[in-house]
Amino acid sequence: MFLLGLLYVALVGVLFAAGAGAVTIIVIAGALFLGQLFLSDKIGLAAMGAKEVTPEQAPGLHAMIERLCIQADLPKPKIAVADTPMPNAFAMGRSPKNATVCTTTGLMQTLEPHELEAVMAHELTHVKNRDVMIMTIASFFASVASMIVQFGFFFGGGFGDSDDEGPSWAVVLLVSFVVYILSFFLMLALSRYREFSADKGSAVITGRPSALSSALMKISGMMDKVPEQDLRAAQQLSAFFIVPPTAKSAVRTLFMDHPPTEKRIERLQRYEAELQGALNAA
């Protein structure tokens, strides 16, 4: 996500340096945004080597998703499976009508049925909340903010002054990069928030917050057993996974696009206590 935004910044900076006008830059940025919006799901699935499966190929998985969709009041999405030992799942698609939920073979082999159901409910909540659309728009507006600063800095730094040729493209890139860094941290905060929201959605849909807690612990524990090259290969889709495929030596910092697993489990335990309290009161 950070590198994609940096690519925007670099591209706009180079266009400025080449003398491109505002209309040209806006058209190019708009084309990139539409490409992200309509092609990101296909690119993401292809990057993971995921294949769509039919009800005949995965009857149990399809039946589970159908049941969860009824409970969540959602149209049934496409279902895909990625053949990788990494235990994880993610959802793609700009709206519930054209969404795809994907699980890995490693996840299906690791989790019990009720745990897998909780994970898929988490992914369906992302679909219901249109989180892929939200993150795409957020990244686009971060890029637009950077472009606005570039325009202001470029034309405000001596425009019309014959004695001043204006800032160099390198300075424009530097200012844009600083602005983008601030946007980047805001996007990470938004990404962490949507994970908490999806966890709560899973708890509501399944009525078993403890199932997702158990699944998160298993997935996090299994990450240490996944080959390092598989983890690195999946880093590009980290923001979309239920648990990020961070390398074993990674240190948890502000750069995380997911909340710490222990914080997520703490919240799920609170939901479990609230649910039990409501049942006892009834």
Foldseek 3Di string as FASTA:
>chain_A
DLVVLLVLLVVLLVCVQVVHDPVVNVVVLVVVLVCCQPCVVVVLCVLLVKDFDDCVRPVPVQVLQVLLCVLVVADRETEIERAALQFWKFKDHQARVHIYIYTYPNNVVQADPLLVSLRVLLRVVCRHVSVSNVLSVLSSVLSVVLSVVLVCQFCVQQNPNPVDPGDHSVVSSVSSSVSSVVSLLVSLVVLAVSLLVSLVSSCSSSVCLVSNLVSLVRSVVCLQVGDQVVLVSCQVVQSGINHGSDGPPDDDDSNHSHDPSVVSSVVSVVVNVVSVVVVVVD
